[in-house]
């Protein structure tokens, strides 16, 4: 089932994103298409590491395998007062 397979990929992606952003960032957007990946906070941009790009590619492949090809997606990350992070996703289908 897509959701069962997506959960570990989302976790890996979240870990990679958090590891690659400046420590001072407490919120950001990951914007992804098949050809580009951006980590954005306001007007600032952080470098998407290889781990982030690989996790993004794995998500695109997963959706493709399940017959739901993506055109792109945006994940909005927020750090909470306890130091934990959460994110919500918005998907655009091809």
N, C-alpha and C. Protein backbone atom coordinates (compact mmCIF):
# COMPACT_ATOMS: atom_id res chain seq x y z
N UNK A 1 0.85 -1.18 0.00
CA UNK A 1 0.00 0.00 0.00
C UNK A 1 0.90 1.24 0.00
N UNK A 2 0.53 2.22 -0.78
CA UNK A 2 1.34 3.43 -0.95
C UNK A 2 1.69 4.09 0.38
N UNK A 3 0.72 4.30 1.24
CA UNK A 3 0.96 5.01 2.49
C UNK A 3 1.96 4.26 3.39
N UNK A 4 1.87 2.94 3.41
CA UNK A 4 2.79 2.15 4.22
C UNK A 4 4.22 2.28 3.72
N UNK A 5 4.39 2.30 2.42
CA UNK A 5 5.73 2.45 1.84
C UNK A 5 6.23 3.89 1.93
N UNK A 6 5.32 4.84 1.94
CA UNK A 6 5.71 6.25 1.97
C UNK A 6 6.25 6.69 3.32
N UNK A 7 5.74 6.13 4.39
CA UNK A 7 6.13 6.57 5.73
C UNK A 7 7.64 6.51 5.97
N UNK A 8 8.32 5.39 5.71
CA UNK A 8 9.77 5.39 5.94
C UNK A 8 10.52 6.34 5.00
N UNK A 9 10.01 6.53 3.80
CA UNK A 9 10.64 7.48 2.87
C UNK A 9 10.48 8.91 3.37
N UNK A 10 9.30 9.23 3.88
CA UNK A 10 9.07 10.57 4.44
C UNK A 10 9.99 10.81 5.63
N UNK A 11 10.15 9.81 6.47
CA UNK A 11 11.03 9.96 7.64
C UNK A 11 12.48 10.20 7.20
N UNK A 12 12.93 9.43 6.23
CA UNK A 12 14.30 9.61 5.73
C UNK A 12 14.47 10.98 5.10
N UNK A 13 13.46 11.42 4.36
CA UNK A 13 13.51 12.74 3.74
C UNK A 13 13.56 13.83 4.80
N UNK A 14 12.71 13.72 5.81
CA UNK A 14 12.69 14.73 6.88
C UNK A 14 14.04 14.80 7.59
N UNK A 15 14.63 13.66 7.90
CA UNK A 15 15.94 13.65 8.55
C UNK A 15 17.00 14.31 7.68
N UNK A 16 16.97 14.01 6.39
CA UNK A 16 17.94 14.60 5.46
C UNK A 16 17.76 16.11 5.35
N UNK A 17 16.52 16.56 5.28
CA UNK A 17 16.24 17.99 5.18
C UNK A 17 16.73 18.71 6.43
N UNK A 18 16.37 18.21 7.60
CA UNK A 18 16.74 18.87 8.85
C UNK A 18 18.26 18.91 9.01
N UNK A 19 18.94 17.87 8.57
CA UNK A 19 20.41 17.84 8.67
C UNK A 19 21.08 18.82 7.72
N UNK A 20 20.37 19.25 6.67
CA UNK A 20 21.01 20.08 5.65
C UNK A 20 20.69 21.57 5.75
N UNK A 21 19.84 21.96 6.68
CA UNK A 21 19.46 23.38 6.78
C UNK A 21 20.24 24.07 7.90
N UNK A 22 20.33 25.39 7.83
CA UNK A 22 20.97 26.13 8.93
C UNK A 22 20.23 25.87 10.24
N UNK A 23 20.98 25.76 11.32
CA UNK A 23 20.40 25.44 12.63
C UNK A 23 19.38 26.47 13.08
N UNK A 24 19.54 27.72 12.67
CA UNK A 24 18.63 28.79 13.09
C UNK A 24 17.26 28.70 12.43
N UNK A 25 17.14 27.94 11.37
CA UNK A 25 15.84 27.84 10.69
C UNK A 25 14.86 27.06 11.55
N UNK A 26 13.66 27.60 11.69
CA UNK A 26 12.62 26.91 12.45
C UNK A 26 11.42 26.56 11.57
N UNK A 27 11.48 26.96 10.33
CA UNK A 27 10.45 26.59 9.36
C UNK A 27 11.04 26.71 7.97
N UNK A 28 10.49 25.97 7.04
CA UNK A 28 10.96 26.02 5.65
C UNK A 28 10.01 25.25 4.76
N UNK A 29 10.23 25.41 3.47
CA UNK A 29 9.51 24.61 2.48
C UNK A 29 10.51 23.83 1.66
N UNK A 30 10.20 22.58 1.43
CA UNK A 30 10.90 21.76 0.45
C UNK A 30 10.01 21.76 -0.78
N UNK A 31 10.52 22.26 -1.88
CA UNK A 31 9.77 22.29 -3.14
C UNK A 31 10.48 21.37 -4.13
N UNK A 32 9.77 20.40 -4.64
CA UNK A 32 10.41 19.40 -5.49
C UNK A 32 9.61 19.13 -6.77
N UNK A 33 10.35 19.03 -7.85
CA UNK A 33 9.85 18.49 -9.10
C UNK A 33 10.84 17.39 -9.49
N UNK A 34 10.59 16.72 -10.60
CA UNK A 34 11.52 15.69 -11.01
C UNK A 34 12.89 16.26 -11.38
N UNK A 35 12.94 17.53 -11.70
CA UNK A 35 14.21 18.13 -12.14
C UNK A 35 14.83 19.12 -11.16
N UNK A 36 14.13 19.45 -10.07
CA UNK A 36 14.71 20.41 -9.13
C UNK A 36 14.21 20.17 -7.71
N UNK A 37 15.09 20.52 -6.77
CA UNK A 37 14.76 20.43 -5.34
C UNK A 37 15.26 21.71 -4.69
N UNK A 38 14.37 22.39 -3.96
CA UNK A 38 14.73 23.63 -3.28
C UNK A 38 14.32 23.56 -1.82
N UNK A 39 15.19 24.05 -0.95
CA UNK A 39 14.88 24.22 0.47
C UNK A 39 14.85 25.72 0.71
N UNK A 40 13.66 26.25 1.01
CA UNK A 40 13.45 27.69 1.00
C UNK A 40 12.85 28.15 2.33
N UNK A 41 13.38 29.26 2.81
CA UNK A 41 12.80 29.94 3.98
C UNK A 41 12.80 31.42 3.66
N UNK A 42 11.61 31.98 3.44
CA UNK A 42 11.53 33.38 3.02
C UNK A 42 12.31 33.54 1.72
N UNK A 43 13.27 34.45 1.71
CA UNK A 43 14.10 34.64 0.52
C UNK A 43 15.38 33.85 0.55
N UNK A 44 15.62 33.07 1.62
CA UNK A 44 16.85 32.30 1.76
C UNK A 44 16.67 30.90 1.20
N UNK A 45 17.75 30.37 0.67
CA UNK A 45 17.74 29.03 0.10
C UNK A 45 18.90 28.24 0.70
N UNK A 46 18.64 26.99 1.09
CA UNK A 46 19.68 26.10 1.59
C UNK A 46 19.99 25.06 0.51
N UNK A 47 21.20 24.56 0.53
CA UNK A 47 21.65 23.57 -0.44
C UNK A 47 20.96 22.24 -0.16
N UNK A 48 20.35 21.64 -1.17
CA UNK A 48 19.76 20.31 -1.04
C UNK A 48 20.88 19.29 -1.22
N UNK A 49 21.18 18.56 -0.17
CA UNK A 49 22.26 17.57 -0.20
C UNK A 49 21.88 16.38 -1.07
N UNK A 50 22.85 15.53 -1.32
CA UNK A 50 22.59 14.30 -2.05
C UNK A 50 21.57 13.42 -1.35
N UNK A 51 21.60 13.40 -0.01
CA UNK A 51 20.61 12.62 0.74
C UNK A 51 19.20 13.14 0.51
N UNK A 52 19.04 14.46 0.47
CA UNK A 52 17.73 15.04 0.21
C UNK A 52 17.28 14.69 -1.21
N UNK A 53 18.16 14.86 -2.18
CA UNK A 53 17.81 14.57 -3.57
C UNK A 53 17.47 13.10 -3.77
N UNK A 54 18.21 12.20 -3.13
CA UNK A 54 17.93 10.77 -3.24
C UNK A 54 16.58 10.43 -2.62
N UNK A 55 16.25 11.03 -1.49
CA UNK A 55 14.97 10.78 -0.84
C UNK A 55 13.81 11.31 -1.70
N UNK A 56 14.02 12.47 -2.31
CA UNK A 56 13.00 13.03 -3.20
C UNK A 56 12.79 12.09 -4.40
N UNK A 57 13.87 11.62 -4.98
CA UNK A 57 13.77 10.71 -6.13
C UNK A 57 13.04 9.43 -5.74
N UNK A 58 13.29 8.92 -4.54
CA UNK A 58 12.62 7.71 -4.07
C UNK A 58 11.11 7.94 -3.94
N UNK A 59 10.70 9.13 -3.50
CA UNK A 59 9.26 9.43 -3.40
C UNK A 59 8.61 9.49 -4.78
N UNK A 60 9.29 10.14 -5.72
CA UNK A 60 8.74 10.18 -7.08
C UNK A 60 8.59 8.76 -7.64
N UNK A 61 9.60 7.91 -7.42
CA UNK A 61 9.55 6.54 -7.91
C UNK A 61 8.43 5.75 -7.25
N UNK A 62 8.24 5.93 -5.96
CA UNK A 62 7.18 5.23 -5.24
C UNK A 62 5.81 5.58 -5.81
N UNK A 63 5.53 6.86 -5.96
CA UNK A 63 4.24 7.27 -6.50
C UNK A 63 4.04 6.74 -7.93
N UNK A 64 5.11 6.75 -8.71
CA UNK A 64 5.04 6.23 -10.08
C UNK A 64 4.67 4.74 -10.07
N UNK A 65 5.33 3.96 -9.21
CA UNK A 65 5.06 2.52 -9.12
C UNK A 65 3.61 2.23 -8.75
N UNK A 66 3.00 3.12 -7.98
CA UNK A 66 1.62 2.91 -7.55
C UNK A 66 0.61 3.58 -8.47
N UNK A 67 1.06 4.05 -9.62
CA UNK A 67 0.14 4.61 -10.61
C UNK A 67 -0.33 6.01 -10.31
N UNK A 68 0.42 6.74 -9.50
CA UNK A 68 0.08 8.13 -9.16
C UNK A 68 1.28 9.04 -9.45
N UNK A 69 1.65 9.16 -10.72
CA UNK A 69 2.85 9.96 -11.03
C UNK A 69 2.70 11.41 -10.57
N UNK A 70 3.75 11.89 -9.92
CA UNK A 70 3.77 13.26 -9.40
C UNK A 70 4.38 14.22 -10.41
N UNK A 71 3.82 15.42 -10.47
CA UNK A 71 4.45 16.52 -11.18
C UNK A 71 5.40 17.24 -10.23
N UNK A 72 5.04 17.23 -8.94
CA UNK A 72 5.86 17.87 -7.93
C UNK A 72 5.17 17.81 -6.58
N UNK A 73 5.90 18.26 -5.55
CA UNK A 73 5.30 18.33 -4.23
C UNK A 73 6.01 19.39 -3.40
N UNK A 74 5.31 19.84 -2.37
CA UNK A 74 5.85 20.80 -1.41
C UNK A 74 5.60 20.24 -0.02
N UNK A 75 6.66 20.20 0.79
CA UNK A 75 6.54 19.84 2.20
C UNK A 75 6.85 21.09 3.01
N UNK A 76 5.98 21.44 3.93
CA UNK A 76 6.20 22.58 4.83
C UNK A 76 6.59 22.06 6.20
N UNK A 77 7.81 22.38 6.61
CA UNK A 77 8.37 21.92 7.88
C UNK A 77 8.26 23.02 8.93
N UNK A 78 7.98 22.61 10.18
CA UNK A 78 7.91 23.53 11.31
C UNK A 78 8.57 22.88 12.52
N UNK A 79 9.50 23.63 13.15
CA UNK A 79 10.11 23.15 14.40
C UNK A 79 9.25 23.63 15.56
N UNK A 80 9.00 22.74 16.50
CA UNK A 80 8.18 23.06 17.67
C UNK A 80 9.05 23.47 18.85
N UNK A 81 8.43 24.05 19.85
CA UNK A 81 9.16 24.52 21.04
C UNK A 81 9.97 23.43 21.72
N UNK A 82 9.52 22.18 21.62
CA UNK A 82 10.26 21.08 22.25
C UNK A 82 11.42 20.58 21.39
N UNK A 83 11.63 21.23 20.23
CA UNK A 83 12.73 20.84 19.34
C UNK A 83 12.35 19.83 18.28
N UNK A 84 11.18 19.25 18.39
CA UNK A 84 10.71 18.30 17.39
C UNK A 84 10.21 19.02 16.14
N UNK A 85 10.11 18.29 15.08
CA UNK A 85 9.67 18.84 13.80
C UNK A 85 8.41 18.13 13.33
N UNK A 86 7.61 18.84 12.54
CA UNK A 86 6.48 18.24 11.84
C UNK A 86 6.46 18.82 10.43
N UNK A 87 5.75 18.13 9.54
CA UNK A 87 5.61 18.65 8.19
C UNK A 87 4.30 18.18 7.59
N UNK A 88 3.83 18.96 6.64
CA UNK A 88 2.64 18.61 5.87
C UNK A 88 3.03 18.68 4.40
N UNK A 89 2.41 17.84 3.61
CA UNK A 89 2.73 17.79 2.19
C UNK A 89 1.57 18.19 1.31
N UNK A 90 1.90 18.75 0.19
CA UNK A 90 0.93 19.11 -0.84
C UNK A 90 1.47 18.53 -2.15
N UNK A 91 0.67 17.75 -2.85
CA UNK A 91 1.13 17.03 -4.02
C UNK A 91 0.42 17.51 -5.27
N UNK A 92 1.17 17.60 -6.36
CA UNK A 92 0.61 17.91 -7.67
C UNK A 92 0.87 16.70 -8.56
N UNK A 93 -0.18 16.18 -9.16
CA UNK A 93 -0.05 14.97 -9.96
C UNK A 93 0.09 15.29 -11.44
N UNK A 94 0.87 14.45 -12.11
CA UNK A 94 1.14 14.65 -13.54
C UNK A 94 -0.08 14.31 -14.37
